[in-house]
Amino acid sequence: MTTAIILDIEGTLVDCVPQTLRCWREALQAHGYDVAPDALQACSGMDGNDMLGVLLPGASDDERKAIAQAQGARFEQDYLPTVQPFPAARAALQALKAAGHRLAVATDCKGAALRHYRAILALDPLLDGIACGEDVKEGKPDPTLIREALAKLGAPAAQSVMVDDTPYDAEAALAASVACIGLQSGGFSARDLMRAGCIAALAGIADLP
């Protein structure tokens, strides 16, 4: 039976989590908030607005919006050009495709970041669907993005699996009734990923095929 495989991009296919967290810390510091790196890592993978709600419960909606916009602009200018795929990412996708699996990505990112990732991975010829931040109002752990990917694949949840790198991705997949395989390449331990509901926790994308 052909399995539909839905993949996250950031931290799963491209090595960008250190840059992303560093950029968030700089944007927060510019607005007067000194958030520890460990606290940022613990929220890695959350929708940006949700993350700021956790980290800055006393901040106003307007302030959180301003910080998120500043982070996005800073990341695009200073960090995005440095992001590269994990070395085995494209070979892993090619192997999965050759095995007959249908592939899609479900990612909160959009715009310049998504264009860069699609280009450096040469993703488009390998994919049967893309669900991104432009398709939904709320990112993961909300399950809407996963459901959008399923719809674009025309695949039932019971015959699909999500591959990602954070507990929040796993939460989104499980809420969409999709089994989840976690990768430790996003900075979370195997224990963290398994506790979030993943059926397996692998070191990285190279181990998936």
C-alpha atoms as a PDB file:
ATOM      1  CA  MET A   1       0.000   0.000   0.000  1.00  0.00           C
ATOM      2  CA  THR A   2       1.377   3.378  -1.000  1.00  0.00           C
ATOM      3  CA  THR A   3       1.876   5.671   1.957  1.00  0.00           C
ATOM      4  CA  ALA A   4       1.471   9.425   1.797  1.00  0.00           C
ATOM      5  CA  ILE A   5       4.369  11.115   3.571  1.00  0.00           C
ATOM      6  CA  ILE A   6       3.993  14.693   4.785  1.00  0.00           C
ATOM      7  CA  LEU A   7       7.226  16.446   5.703  1.00  0.00           C
ATOM      8  CA  ASP A   8       8.044  19.568   7.619  1.00  0.00           C
ATOM      9  CA  ILE A   9      10.848  21.648   6.088  1.00  0.00           C
ATOM     10  CA  GLU A  10      12.582  23.777   8.730  1.00  0.00           C
ATOM     11  CA  GLY A  11      14.698  21.581  10.997  1.00  0.00           C
ATOM     12  CA  THR A  12      13.598  18.519   9.031  1.00  0.00           C
ATOM     13  CA  LEU A  13      14.913  19.078   5.496  1.00  0.00           C
ATOM     14  CA  VAL A  14      16.904  22.279   5.979  1.00  0.00           C
ATOM     15  CA  ASP A  15      19.342  23.105   8.779  1.00  0.00           C
ATOM     16  CA  CYS A  16      17.955  26.418  10.016  1.00  0.00           C
ATOM     17  CA  VAL A  17      16.931  26.033  13.662  1.00  0.00           C
ATOM     18  CA  PRO A  18      20.090  27.605  15.196  1.00  0.00           C
ATOM     19  CA  GLN A  19      19.775  30.625  12.903  1.00  0.00           C
ATOM     20  CA  THR A  20      16.054  30.953  13.577  1.00  0.00           C
ATOM     21  CA  LEU A  21      16.458  30.873  17.353  1.00  0.00           C
ATOM     22  CA  ARG A  22      19.356  33.310  17.237  1.00  0.00           C
ATOM     23  CA  CYS A  23      17.257  35.662  15.141  1.00  0.00           C
ATOM     24  CA  TRP A  24      14.312  35.441  17.539  1.00  0.00           C
ATOM     25  CA  ARG A  25      16.632  36.260  20.460  1.00  0.00           C
ATOM     26  CA  GLU A  26      17.994  39.312  18.648  1.00  0.00           C
ATOM     27  CA  ALA A  27      14.502  40.550  17.721  1.00  0.00           C
ATOM     28  CA  LEU A  28      13.329  40.126  21.314  1.00  0.00           C
ATOM     29  CA  GLN A  29      16.381  41.897  22.693  1.00  0.00           C
ATOM     30  CA  ALA A  30      15.769  44.813  20.316  1.00  0.00           C
ATOM     31  CA  HIS A  31      12.340  45.179  21.945  1.00  0.00           C
ATOM     32  CA  GLY A  32      13.731  44.989  25.487  1.00  0.00           C
ATOM     33  CA  TYR A  33      13.236  41.283  26.237  1.00  0.00           C
ATOM     34  CA  ASP A  34      16.179  39.035  27.107  1.00  0.00           C
ATOM     35  CA  VAL A  35      14.852  35.501  26.599  1.00  0.00           C
ATOM     36  CA  ALA A  36      17.189  32.610  27.377  1.00  0.00           C
ATOM     37  CA  PRO A  37      18.176  30.329  24.478  1.00  0.00           C
ATOM     38  CA  ASP A  38      16.785  27.278  26.311  1.00  0.00           C
ATOM     39  CA  ALA A  39      13.371  28.949  26.586  1.00  0.00           C
ATOM     40  CA  LEU A  40      13.404  29.692  22.871  1.00  0.00           C
ATOM     41  CA  GLN A  41      14.430  26.129  22.011  1.00  0.00           C
ATOM     42  CA  ALA A  42      11.567  24.778  24.094  1.00  0.00           C
ATOM     43  CA  CYS A  43       9.141  26.744  21.905  1.00  0.00           C
ATOM     44  CA  SER A  44      10.834  25.934  18.589  1.00  0.00           C
ATOM     45  CA  GLY A  45       8.263  24.747  16.092  1.00  0.00           C
ATOM     46  CA  MET A  46       5.336  26.699  17.511  1.00  0.00           C
ATOM     47  CA  ASP A  47       3.374  29.232  15.508  1.00  0.00           C
ATOM     48  CA  GLY A  48       5.202  32.540  16.106  1.00  0.00           C
ATOM     49  CA  ASN A  49       2.260  34.295  17.712  1.00  0.00           C
ATOM     50  CA  ASP A  50       1.642  31.323  20.013  1.00  0.00           C
ATOM     51  CA  MET A  51       5.316  31.265  20.959  1.00  0.00           C
ATOM     52  CA  LEU A  52       5.319  34.945  21.863  1.00  0.00           C
ATOM     53  CA  GLY A  53       2.156  34.416  23.879  1.00  0.00           C
ATOM     54  CA  VAL A  54       4.018  31.816  25.956  1.00  0.00           C
ATOM     55  CA  LEU A  55       7.255  33.787  26.288  1.00  0.00           C
ATOM     56  CA  LEU A  56       5.717  37.244  26.731  1.00  0.00           C
ATOM     57  CA  PRO A  57       2.347  36.772  28.437  1.00  0.00           C
ATOM     58  CA  GLY A  58       2.230  40.419  29.472  1.00  0.00           C
ATOM     59  CA  ALA A  59       2.923  41.873  26.019  1.00  0.00           C
ATOM     60  CA  SER A  60       0.126  43.390  23.967  1.00  0.00           C
ATOM     61  CA  ASP A  61      -1.040  41.926  20.666  1.00  0.00           C
ATOM     62  CA  ASP A  62       0.446  44.916  18.843  1.00  0.00           C
ATOM     63  CA  GLU A  63       3.829  44.436  20.509  1.00  0.00           C
ATOM     64  CA  ARG A  64       3.917  40.723  19.723  1.00  0.00           C
ATOM     65  CA  LYS A  65       2.985  41.495  16.115  1.00  0.00           C
ATOM     66  CA  ALA A  66       5.792  44.062  15.873  1.00  0.00           C
ATOM     67  CA  ILE A  67       8.337  41.591  17.268  1.00  0.00           C
ATOM     68  CA  ALA A  68       7.237  38.864  14.868  1.00  0.00           C
ATOM     69  CA  GLN A  69       7.481  41.211  11.897  1.00  0.00           C
ATOM     70  CA  ALA A  70      10.935  42.381  12.989  1.00  0.00           C
ATOM     71  CA  GLN A  71      12.104  38.796  13.384  1.00  0.00           C
ATOM     72  CA  GLY A  72      10.835  37.849   9.940  1.00  0.00           C
ATOM     73  CA  ALA A  73      12.542  40.783   8.257  1.00  0.00           C
ATOM     74  CA  ARG A  74      15.808  40.198  10.129  1.00  0.00           C
ATOM     75  CA  PHE A  75      15.805  36.474   9.316  1.00  0.00           C
ATOM     76  CA  GLU A  76      15.151  37.075   5.627  1.00  0.00           C
ATOM     77  CA  GLN A  77      17.942  39.647   5.366  1.00  0.00           C
ATOM     78  CA  ASP A  78      20.643  38.246   7.653  1.00  0.00           C
ATOM     79  CA  TYR A  79      20.074  34.527   8.010  1.00  0.00           C
ATOM     80  CA  LEU A  80      18.060  33.040   5.159  1.00  0.00           C
ATOM     81  CA  PRO A  81      20.931  33.168   2.620  1.00  0.00           C
ATOM     82  CA  THR A  82      23.032  31.002   4.969  1.00  0.00           C
ATOM     83  CA  VAL A  83      20.471  28.184   5.278  1.00  0.00           C
ATOM     84  CA  GLN A  84      21.382  24.942   3.538  1.00  0.00           C
ATOM     85  CA  PRO A  85      19.694  21.521   3.267  1.00  0.00           C
ATOM     86  CA  PHE A  86      20.744  18.701   5.523  1.00  0.00           C
ATOM     87  CA  PRO A  87      23.273  16.767   3.402  1.00  0.00           C
ATOM     88  CA  ALA A  88      21.085  13.695   2.858  1.00  0.00           C
ATOM     89  CA  ALA A  89      17.739  15.483   2.495  1.00  0.00           C
ATOM     90  CA  ARG A  90      17.214  15.339  -1.251  1.00  0.00           C
ATOM     91  CA  ALA A  91      18.596  11.801  -1.569  1.00  0.00           C
ATOM     92  CA  ALA A  92      16.163  10.675   1.125  1.00  0.00           C
ATOM     93  CA  LEU A  93      13.229  12.233  -0.699  1.00  0.00           C
ATOM     94  CA  GLN A  94      14.333  10.658  -3.972  1.00  0.00           C
ATOM     95  CA  ALA A  95      14.519   7.243  -2.291  1.00  0.00           C
ATOM     96  CA  LEU A  96      11.029   7.637  -0.813  1.00  0.00           C
ATOM     97  CA  LYS A  97       9.637   8.747  -4.160  1.00  0.00           C
ATOM     98  CA  ALA A  98      11.316   5.826  -5.938  1.00  0.00           C
ATOM     99  CA  ALA A  99       9.696   3.476  -3.418  1.00  0.00           C
ATOM    100  CA  GLY A 100       6.275   4.688  -4.575  1.00  0.00           C
ATOM    101  CA  HIS A 101       5.343   7.037  -1.760  1.00  0.00           C
ATOM    102  CA  ARG A 102       3.414  10.232  -2.388  1.00  0.00           C
ATOM    103  CA  LEU A 103       5.159  13.247  -0.858  1.00  0.00           C
ATOM    104  CA  ALA A 104       3.985  16.619   0.400  1.00  0.00           C
ATOM    105  CA  VAL A 105       5.355  19.315   2.653  1.00  0.00           C
ATOM    106  CA  ALA A 106       3.434  21.018   5.441  1.00  0.00           C
ATOM    107  CA  THR A 107       5.319  24.058   6.665  1.00  0.00           C
ATOM    108  CA  ASP A 108       4.450  27.253   8.509  1.00  0.00           C
ATOM    109  CA  CYS A 109       6.926  29.188   6.378  1.00  0.00           C
ATOM    110  CA  LYS A 110       5.974  31.157   3.280  1.00  0.00           C
ATOM    111  CA  GLY A 111       7.226  33.878   0.945  1.00  0.00           C
ATOM    112  CA  ALA A 112      10.966  34.315   0.455  1.00  0.00           C
ATOM    113  CA  ALA A 113      11.870  31.599   2.968  1.00  0.00           C
ATOM    114  CA  LEU A 114       9.736  28.975   1.269  1.00  0.00           C
ATOM    115  CA  ARG A 115      11.029  29.973  -2.170  1.00  0.00           C
ATOM    116  CA  HIS A 116      14.607  29.626  -0.935  1.00  0.00           C
ATOM    117  CA  TYR A 117      13.978  26.216   0.591  1.00  0.00           C
ATOM    118  CA  ARG A 118      12.236  24.912  -2.518  1.00  0.00           C
ATOM    119  CA  ALA A 119      15.147  26.121  -4.646  1.00  0.00           C
ATOM    120  CA  ILE A 120      18.031  24.757  -2.578  1.00  0.00           C
ATOM    121  CA  LEU A 121      16.312  21.380  -2.225  1.00  0.00           C
ATOM    122  CA  ALA A 122      15.057  21.315  -5.830  1.00  0.00           C
ATOM    123  CA  LEU A 123      11.849  20.156  -4.186  1.00  0.00           C
ATOM    124  CA  ASP A 124       9.105  20.722  -6.710  1.00  0.00           C
ATOM    125  CA  PRO A 125       9.721  17.717  -9.026  1.00  0.00           C
ATOM    126  CA  LEU A 126       9.545  15.406  -5.989  1.00  0.00           C
ATOM    127  CA  LEU A 127       6.330  16.715  -4.450  1.00  0.00           C
ATOM    128  CA  ASP A 128       2.680  15.875  -4.959  1.00  0.00           C
ATOM    129  CA  GLY A 129       1.475  18.772  -2.812  1.00  0.00           C
ATOM    130  CA  ILE A 130       2.554  21.804  -0.774  1.00  0.00           C
ATOM    131  CA  ALA A 131       0.709  23.212   2.245  1.00  0.00           C
ATOM    132  CA  CYS A 132       2.308  26.351   3.674  1.00  0.00           C
ATOM    133  CA  GLY A 133       1.738  29.384   5.839  1.00  0.00           C
ATOM    134  CA  GLU A 134      -0.084  31.103   2.984  1.00  0.00           C
ATOM    135  CA  ASP A 135      -2.819  28.445   3.119  1.00  0.00           C
ATOM    136  CA  VAL A 136      -3.777  28.757   6.797  1.00  0.00           C
ATOM    137  CA  LYS A 137      -4.343  31.423   9.440  1.00  0.00           C
ATOM    138  CA  GLU A 138      -2.818  29.418  12.292  1.00  0.00           C
ATOM    139  CA  GLY A 139       0.406  27.422  12.206  1.00  0.00           C
ATOM    140  CA  LYS A 140       1.328  24.270  14.084  1.00  0.00           C
ATOM    141  CA  PRO A 141       0.410  22.902  16.640  1.00  0.00           C
ATOM    142  CA  ASP A 142      -2.955  23.711  15.046  1.00  0.00           C
ATOM    143  CA  PRO A 143      -3.751  20.712  12.774  1.00  0.00           C
ATOM    144  CA  THR A 144      -5.202  22.724   9.869  1.00  0.00           C
ATOM    145  CA  LEU A 145      -1.920  22.701   7.944  1.00  0.00           C
ATOM    146  CA  ILE A 146      -1.692  18.911   8.132  1.00  0.00           C
ATOM    147  CA  ARG A 147      -5.285  18.563   6.967  1.00  0.00           C
ATOM    148  CA  GLU A 148      -4.536  20.902   4.074  1.00  0.00           C
ATOM    149  CA  ALA A 149      -1.615  18.688   3.033  1.00  0.00           C
ATOM    150  CA  LEU A 150      -3.822  15.592   3.196  1.00  0.00           C
ATOM    151  CA  ALA A 151      -6.391  17.309   0.994  1.00  0.00           C
ATOM    152  CA  LYS A 152      -3.753  18.255  -1.565  1.00  0.00           C
ATOM    153  CA  LEU A 153      -2.471  14.677  -1.620  1.00  0.00           C
ATOM    154  CA  GLY A 154      -5.975  13.228  -1.754  1.00  0.00           C
ATOM    155  CA  ALA A 155      -4.833  10.833   0.949  1.00  0.00           C
ATOM    156  CA  PRO A 156      -6.662   9.480   4.010  1.00  0.00           C
ATOM    157  CA  ALA A 157      -5.064  10.169   7.377  1.00  0.00           C
ATOM    158  CA  ALA A 158      -4.897   6.445   8.170  1.00  0.00           C
ATOM    159  CA  GLN A 159      -2.550   5.856   5.208  1.00  0.00           C
ATOM    160  CA  SER A 160      -0.326   8.845   5.899  1.00  0.00           C
ATOM    161  CA  VAL A 161       2.605   9.714   8.122  1.00  0.00           C
ATOM    162  CA  MET A 162       4.062  13.063   9.174  1.00  0.00           C
ATOM    163  CA  VAL A 163       7.828  13.549   9.443  1.00  0.00           C
ATOM    164  CA  ASP A 164       8.949  16.494  11.562  1.00  0.00           C
ATOM    165  CA  ASP A 165      11.331  17.718  14.237  1.00  0.00           C
ATOM    166  CA  THR A 166       9.349  19.216  17.144  1.00  0.00           C
ATOM    167  CA  PRO A 167       6.713  18.137  19.669  1.00  0.00           C
ATOM    168  CA  TYR A 168       4.409  20.829  18.269  1.00  0.00           C
ATOM    169  CA  ASP A 169       4.537  19.251  14.815  1.00  0.00           C
ATOM    170  CA  ALA A 170       3.675  15.935  16.436  1.00  0.00           C
ATOM    171  CA  GLU A 171       0.770  17.543  18.275  1.00  0.00           C
ATOM    172  CA  ALA A 172      -0.582  18.889  14.987  1.00  0.00           C
ATOM    173  CA  ALA A 173      -0.219  15.529  13.251  1.00  0.00           C
ATOM    174  CA  LEU A 174      -1.949  13.612  16.026  1.00  0.00           C
ATOM    175  CA  ALA A 175      -4.795  16.130  16.092  1.00  0.00           C
ATOM    176  CA  ALA A 176      -5.236  15.379  12.383  1.00  0.00           C
ATOM    177  CA  SER A 177      -5.168  11.599  13.122  1.00  0.00           C
ATOM    178  CA  VAL A 178      -1.861  11.180  11.284  1.00  0.00           C
ATOM    179  CA  ALA A 179       0.968   9.036  12.670  1.00  0.00           C
ATOM    180  CA  CYS A 180       4.192  10.942  13.277  1.00  0.00           C
ATOM    181  CA  ILE A 181       7.908  10.184  13.007  1.00  0.00           C
ATOM    182  CA  GLY A 182      10.161  12.655  14.812  1.00  0.00           C
ATOM    183  CA  LEU A 183      13.663  13.717  13.827  1.00  0.00           C
ATOM    184  CA  GLN A 184      16.160  14.947  16.406  1.00  0.00           C
ATOM    185  CA  SER A 185      17.671  17.406  13.907  1.00  0.00           C
ATOM    186  CA  GLY A 186      15.551  20.264  15.301  1.00  0.00           C
ATOM    187  CA  GLY A 187      17.149  20.173  18.745  1.00  0.00           C
ATOM    188  CA  PHE A 188      14.619  18.035  20.631  1.00  0.00           C
ATOM    189  CA  SER A 189      15.614  14.715  22.177  1.00  0.00           C
ATOM    190  CA  ALA A 190      14.183  11.344  21.250  1.00  0.00           C
ATOM    191  CA  ARG A 191      12.475  11.321  24.643  1.00  0.00           C
ATOM    192  CA  ASP A 192      10.802  14.687  23.949  1.00  0.00           C
ATOM    193  CA  LEU A 193       9.558  13.488  20.570  1.00  0.00           C
ATOM    194  CA  MET A 194       8.281  10.151  21.834  1.00  0.00           C
ATOM    195  CA  ARG A 195       6.510  11.804  24.768  1.00  0.00           C
ATOM    196  CA  ALA A 196       4.777  14.062  22.243  1.00  0.00           C
ATOM    197  CA  GLY A 197       3.327  10.976  20.546  1.00  0.00           C
ATOM    198  CA  CYS A 198       5.785  10.104  17.779  1.00  0.00           C
ATOM    199  CA  ILE A 199       5.857   6.428  16.801  1.00  0.00           C
ATOM    200  CA  ALA A 200       9.629   6.648  16.263  1.00  0.00           C
ATOM    201  CA  ALA A 201      12.418   9.171  16.821  1.00  0.00           C
ATOM    202  CA  LEU A 202      15.282   9.145  14.324  1.00  0.00           C
ATOM    203  CA  ALA A 203      18.540  11.096  14.306  1.00  0.00           C
ATOM    204  CA  GLY A 204      17.756  12.865  11.037  1.00  0.00           C
ATOM    205  CA  ILE A 205      16.270  12.696   7.566  1.00  0.00           C
ATOM    206  CA  ALA A 206      19.016  10.331   6.318  1.00  0.00           C
ATOM    207  CA  ASP A 207      17.541   7.577   8.499  1.00  0.00           C
ATOM    208  CA  LEU A 208      14.001   7.866   7.145  1.00  0.00           C
ATOM    209  CA  PRO A 209      14.113   5.741   3.950  1.00  0.00           C
END
